[in-house]
Amino acid sequence: MTDELDDAVTAFLDEADAVYAEYDQGYMDADAALSRLESAIDDLHEAHEE
């Protein structure tokens, strides 16, 4: 795995952890959580394609 892809995976996992934690604590609704996860997934796909 390249350094950029490794960084992207780490960023994705950090964002996913943050989204799940905020959702579990009631700080965001399901639509907002899915939107943030979708954005993080898109970023990961872009990094993989490069």
PDB file of N, CA and C in Angstrom:
ATOM      1  N   MET A   1       0.851  -1.174   0.000  1.00  0.00           N
ATOM      2  CA  MET A   1       0.000   0.000   0.000  1.00  0.00           C
ATOM      3  C   MET A   1       0.896   1.236   0.000  1.00  0.00           C
ATOM      4  N   THR A   2       0.530   2.215  -0.822  1.00  0.00           N
ATOM      5  CA  THR A   2       1.321   3.438  -0.865  1.00  0.00           C
ATOM      6  C   THR A   2       1.053   4.277   0.379  1.00  0.00           C
ATOM      7  N   ASP A   3       1.952   5.213   0.631  1.00  0.00           N
ATOM      8  CA  ASP A   3       1.778   6.098   1.781  1.00  0.00           C
ATOM      9  C   ASP A   3       0.482   6.895   1.674  1.00  0.00           C
ATOM     10  N   GLU A   4       0.157   7.378   0.469  1.00  0.00           N
ATOM     11  CA  GLU A   4      -1.073   8.154   0.281  1.00  0.00           C
ATOM     12  C   GLU A   4      -2.302   7.301   0.539  1.00  0.00           C
ATOM     13  N   LEU A   5      -2.288   6.083   0.050  1.00  0.00           N
ATOM     14  CA  LEU A   5      -3.432   5.194   0.276  1.00  0.00           C
ATOM     15  C   LEU A   5      -3.521   4.810   1.745  1.00  0.00           C
ATOM     16  N   ASP A   6      -2.393   4.562   2.364  1.00  0.00           N
ATOM     17  CA  ASP A   6      -2.369   4.255   3.790  1.00  0.00           C
ATOM     18  C   ASP A   6      -2.943   5.420   4.600  1.00  0.00           C
ATOM     19  N   ASP A   7      -2.556   6.642   4.234  1.00  0.00           N
ATOM     20  CA  ASP A   7      -3.091   7.835   4.896  1.00  0.00           C
ATOM     21  C   ASP A   7      -4.604   7.959   4.678  1.00  0.00           C
ATOM     22  N   ALA A   8      -5.058   7.635   3.472  1.00  0.00           N
ATOM     23  CA  ALA A   8      -6.488   7.713   3.169  1.00  0.00           C
ATOM     24  C   ALA A   8      -7.275   6.684   3.970  1.00  0.00           C
ATOM     25  N   VAL A   9      -6.731   5.481   4.111  1.00  0.00           N
ATOM     26  CA  VAL A   9      -7.399   4.447   4.908  1.00  0.00           C
ATOM     27  C   VAL A   9      -7.471   4.884   6.366  1.00  0.00           C
ATOM     28  N   THR A  10      -6.387   5.431   6.884  1.00  0.00           N
ATOM     29  CA  THR A  10      -6.369   5.912   8.265  1.00  0.00           C
ATOM     30  C   THR A  10      -7.382   7.034   8.460  1.00  0.00           C
ATOM     31  N   ALA A  11      -7.437   7.967   7.510  1.00  0.00           N
ATOM     32  CA  ALA A  11      -8.403   9.069   7.597  1.00  0.00           C
ATOM     33  C   ALA A  11      -9.828   8.552   7.555  1.00  0.00           C
ATOM     34  N   PHE A  12     -10.083   7.563   6.684  1.00  0.00           N
ATOM     35  CA  PHE A  12     -11.417   6.976   6.602  1.00  0.00           C
ATOM     36  C   PHE A  12     -11.814   6.321   7.915  1.00  0.00           C
ATOM     37  N   LEU A  13     -10.918   5.522   8.464  1.00  0.00           N
ATOM     38  CA  LEU A  13     -11.233   4.829   9.711  1.00  0.00           C
ATOM     39  C   LEU A  13     -11.450   5.812  10.856  1.00  0.00           C
ATOM     40  N   ASP A  14     -10.652   6.867  10.907  1.00  0.00           N
ATOM     41  CA  ASP A  14     -10.834   7.900  11.929  1.00  0.00           C
ATOM     42  C   ASP A  14     -12.195   8.581  11.788  1.00  0.00           C
ATOM     43  N   GLU A  15     -12.552   8.919  10.541  1.00  0.00           N
ATOM     44  CA  GLU A  15     -13.848   9.572  10.291  1.00  0.00           C
ATOM     45  C   GLU A  15     -14.996   8.627  10.633  1.00  0.00           C
ATOM     46  N   ALA A  16     -14.884   7.363  10.236  1.00  0.00           N
ATOM     47  CA  ALA A  16     -15.932   6.395  10.545  1.00  0.00           C
ATOM     48  C   ALA A  16     -16.099   6.240  12.056  1.00  0.00           C
ATOM     49  N   ASP A  17     -15.008   6.150  12.775  1.00  0.00           N
ATOM     50  CA  ASP A  17     -15.078   6.060  14.243  1.00  0.00           C
ATOM     51  C   ASP A  17     -15.764   7.286  14.831  1.00  0.00           C
ATOM     52  N   ALA A  18     -15.426   8.472  14.318  1.00  0.00           N
ATOM     53  CA  ALA A  18     -16.018   9.716  14.820  1.00  0.00           C
ATOM     54  C   ALA A  18     -17.515   9.755  14.530  1.00  0.00           C
ATOM     55  N   VAL A  19     -17.900   9.353  13.327  1.00  0.00           N
ATOM     56  CA  VAL A  19     -19.315   9.350  12.961  1.00  0.00           C
ATOM     57  C   VAL A  19     -20.083   8.393  13.869  1.00  0.00           C
ATOM     58  N   TYR A  20     -19.596   7.190  14.036  1.00  0.00           N
ATOM     59  CA  TYR A  20     -20.290   6.219  14.895  1.00  0.00           C
ATOM     60  C   TYR A  20     -20.385   6.723  16.330  1.00  0.00           C
ATOM     61  N   ALA A  21     -19.330   7.315  16.834  1.00  0.00           N
ATOM     62  CA  ALA A  21     -19.352   7.819  18.207  1.00  0.00           C
ATOM     63  C   ALA A  21     -20.368   8.953  18.356  1.00  0.00           C
ATOM     64  N   GLU A  22     -20.364   9.894  17.410  1.00  0.00           N
ATOM     65  CA  GLU A  22     -21.307  11.010  17.486  1.00  0.00           C
ATOM     66  C   GLU A  22     -22.749  10.524  17.341  1.00  0.00           C
ATOM     67  N   TYR A  23     -22.969   9.554  16.467  1.00  0.00           N
ATOM     68  CA  TYR A  23     -24.315   8.998  16.287  1.00  0.00           C
ATOM     69  C   TYR A  23     -24.763   8.284  17.560  1.00  0.00           C
ATOM     70  N   ASP A  24     -23.888   7.464  18.127  1.00  0.00           N
ATOM     71  CA  ASP A  24     -24.228   6.727  19.354  1.00  0.00           C
ATOM     72  C   ASP A  24     -24.534   7.659  20.518  1.00  0.00           C
ATOM     73  N   GLN A  25     -23.868   8.810  20.547  1.00  0.00           N
ATOM     74  CA  GLN A  25     -24.094   9.764  21.629  1.00  0.00           C
ATOM     75  C   GLN A  25     -25.297  10.666  21.358  1.00  0.00           C
ATOM     76  N   GLY A  26     -25.922  10.505  20.199  1.00  0.00           N
ATOM     77  CA  GLY A  26     -27.102  11.279  19.860  1.00  0.00           C
ATOM     78  C   GLY A  26     -26.804  12.657  19.301  1.00  0.00           C
ATOM     79  N   TYR A  27     -25.564  12.907  18.893  1.00  0.00           N
ATOM     80  CA  TYR A  27     -25.182  14.216  18.377  1.00  0.00           C
ATOM     81  C   TYR A  27     -25.542  14.414  16.905  1.00  0.00           C
ATOM     82  N   MET A  28     -25.899  13.330  16.208  1.00  0.00           N
ATOM     83  CA  MET A  28     -26.281  13.470  14.806  1.00  0.00           C
ATOM     84  C   MET A  28     -27.333  12.426  14.461  1.00  0.00           C
ATOM     85  N   ASP A  29     -28.153  12.756  13.472  1.00  0.00           N
ATOM     86  CA  ASP A  29     -29.179  11.803  13.049  1.00  0.00           C
ATOM     87  C   ASP A  29     -28.603  10.862  11.987  1.00  0.00           C
ATOM     88  N   ALA A  30     -29.402   9.882  11.619  1.00  0.00           N
ATOM     89  CA  ALA A  30     -28.937   8.855  10.684  1.00  0.00           C
ATOM     90  C   ALA A  30     -28.589   9.436   9.319  1.00  0.00           C
ATOM     91  N   ASP A  31     -29.386  10.392   8.831  1.00  0.00           N
ATOM     92  CA  ASP A  31     -29.104  10.977   7.519  1.00  0.00           C
ATOM     93  C   ASP A  31     -27.750  11.696   7.505  1.00  0.00           C
ATOM     94  N   ALA A  32     -27.463  12.439   8.544  1.00  0.00           N
ATOM     95  CA  ALA A  32     -26.188  13.139   8.628  1.00  0.00           C
ATOM     96  C   ALA A  32     -25.034  12.144   8.734  1.00  0.00           C
ATOM     97  N   ALA A  33     -25.229  11.089   9.507  1.00  0.00           N
ATOM     98  CA  ALA A  33     -24.184  10.071   9.651  1.00  0.00           C
ATOM     99  C   ALA A  33     -23.894   9.404   8.314  1.00  0.00           C
ATOM    100  N   LEU A  34     -24.948   9.039   7.596  1.00  0.00           N
ATOM    101  CA  LEU A  34     -24.747   8.399   6.297  1.00  0.00           C
ATOM    102  C   LEU A  34     -24.092   9.347   5.305  1.00  0.00           C
ATOM    103  N   SER A  35     -24.450  10.602   5.350  1.00  0.00           N
ATOM    104  CA  SER A  35     -23.841  11.584   4.451  1.00  0.00           C
ATOM    105  C   SER A  35     -22.344  11.715   4.717  1.00  0.00           C
ATOM    106  N   ARG A  36     -21.965  11.788   5.984  1.00  0.00           N
ATOM    107  CA  ARG A  36     -20.533  11.891   6.318  1.00  0.00           C
ATOM    108  C   ARG A  36     -19.788  10.628   5.916  1.00  0.00           C
ATOM    109  N   LEU A  37     -20.398   9.468   6.146  1.00  0.00           N
ATOM    110  CA  LEU A  37     -19.745   8.214   5.751  1.00  0.00           C
ATOM    111  C   LEU A  37     -19.617   8.126   4.233  1.00  0.00           C
ATOM    112  N   GLU A  38     -20.653   8.555   3.519  1.00  0.00           N
ATOM    113  CA  GLU A  38     -20.599   8.534   2.056  1.00  0.00           C
ATOM    114  C   GLU A  38     -19.469   9.425   1.544  1.00  0.00           C
ATOM    115  N   SER A  39     -19.301  10.578   2.145  1.00  0.00           N
ATOM    116  CA  SER A  39     -18.221  11.484   1.759  1.00  0.00           C
ATOM    117  C   SER A  39     -16.856  10.846   2.036  1.00  0.00           C
ATOM    118  N   ALA A  40     -16.725  10.198   3.180  1.00  0.00           N
ATOM    119  CA  ALA A  40     -15.462   9.540   3.531  1.00  0.00           C
ATOM    120  C   ALA A  40     -15.168   8.380   2.582  1.00  0.00           C
ATOM    121  N   ILE A  41     -16.198   7.661   2.182  1.00  0.00           N
ATOM    122  CA  ILE A  41     -16.032   6.558   1.235  1.00  0.00           C
ATOM    123  C   ILE A  41     -15.597   7.098  -0.124  1.00  0.00           C
ATOM    124  N   ASP A  42     -16.210   8.197  -0.557  1.00  0.00           N
ATOM    125  CA  ASP A  42     -15.809   8.819  -1.826  1.00  0.00           C
ATOM    126  C   ASP A  42     -14.340   9.218  -1.800  1.00  0.00           C
ATOM    127  N   ASP A  43     -13.905   9.819  -0.682  1.00  0.00           N
ATOM    128  CA  ASP A  43     -12.501  10.205  -0.553  1.00  0.00           C
ATOM    129  C   ASP A  43     -11.579   8.989  -0.632  1.00  0.00           C
ATOM    130  N   LEU A  44     -11.994   7.901  -0.019  1.00  0.00           N
ATOM    131  CA  LEU A  44     -11.199   6.675  -0.048  1.00  0.00           C
ATOM    132  C   LEU A  44     -11.124   6.112  -1.462  1.00  0.00           C
ATOM    133  N   HIS A  45     -12.238   6.125  -2.170  1.00  0.00           N
ATOM    134  CA  HIS A  45     -12.231   5.666  -3.571  1.00  0.00           C
ATOM    135  C   HIS A  45     -11.290   6.515  -4.416  1.00  0.00           C
ATOM    136  N   GLU A  46     -11.333   7.817  -4.236  1.00  0.00           N
ATOM    137  CA  GLU A  46     -10.452   8.707  -5.008  1.00  0.00           C
ATOM    138  C   GLU A  46      -8.984   8.397  -4.737  1.00  0.00           C
ATOM    139  N   ALA A  47      -8.656   8.191  -3.475  1.00  0.00           N
ATOM    140  CA  ALA A  47      -7.266   7.873  -3.127  1.00  0.00           C
ATOM    141  C   ALA A  47      -6.849   6.541  -3.733  1.00  0.00           C
ATOM    142  N   HIS A  48      -7.743   5.600  -3.773  1.00  0.00           N
ATOM    143  CA  HIS A  48      -7.434   4.274  -4.341  1.00  0.00           C
ATOM    144  C   HIS A  48      -7.206   4.352  -5.844  1.00  0.00           C
ATOM    145  N   GLU A  49      -7.969   5.224  -6.511  1.00  0.00           N
ATOM    146  CA  GLU A  49      -7.848   5.347  -7.953  1.00  0.00           C
ATOM    147  C   GLU A  49      -6.558   6.060  -8.378  1.00  0.00           C
ATOM    148  N   GLU A  50      -5.977   6.847  -7.496  1.00  0.00           N
ATOM    149  CA  GLU A  50      -4.757   7.596  -7.855  1.00  0.00           C
ATOM    150  C   GLU A  50      -3.544   6.749  -7.857  1.00  0.00           C
TER     151      GLU A  50
END
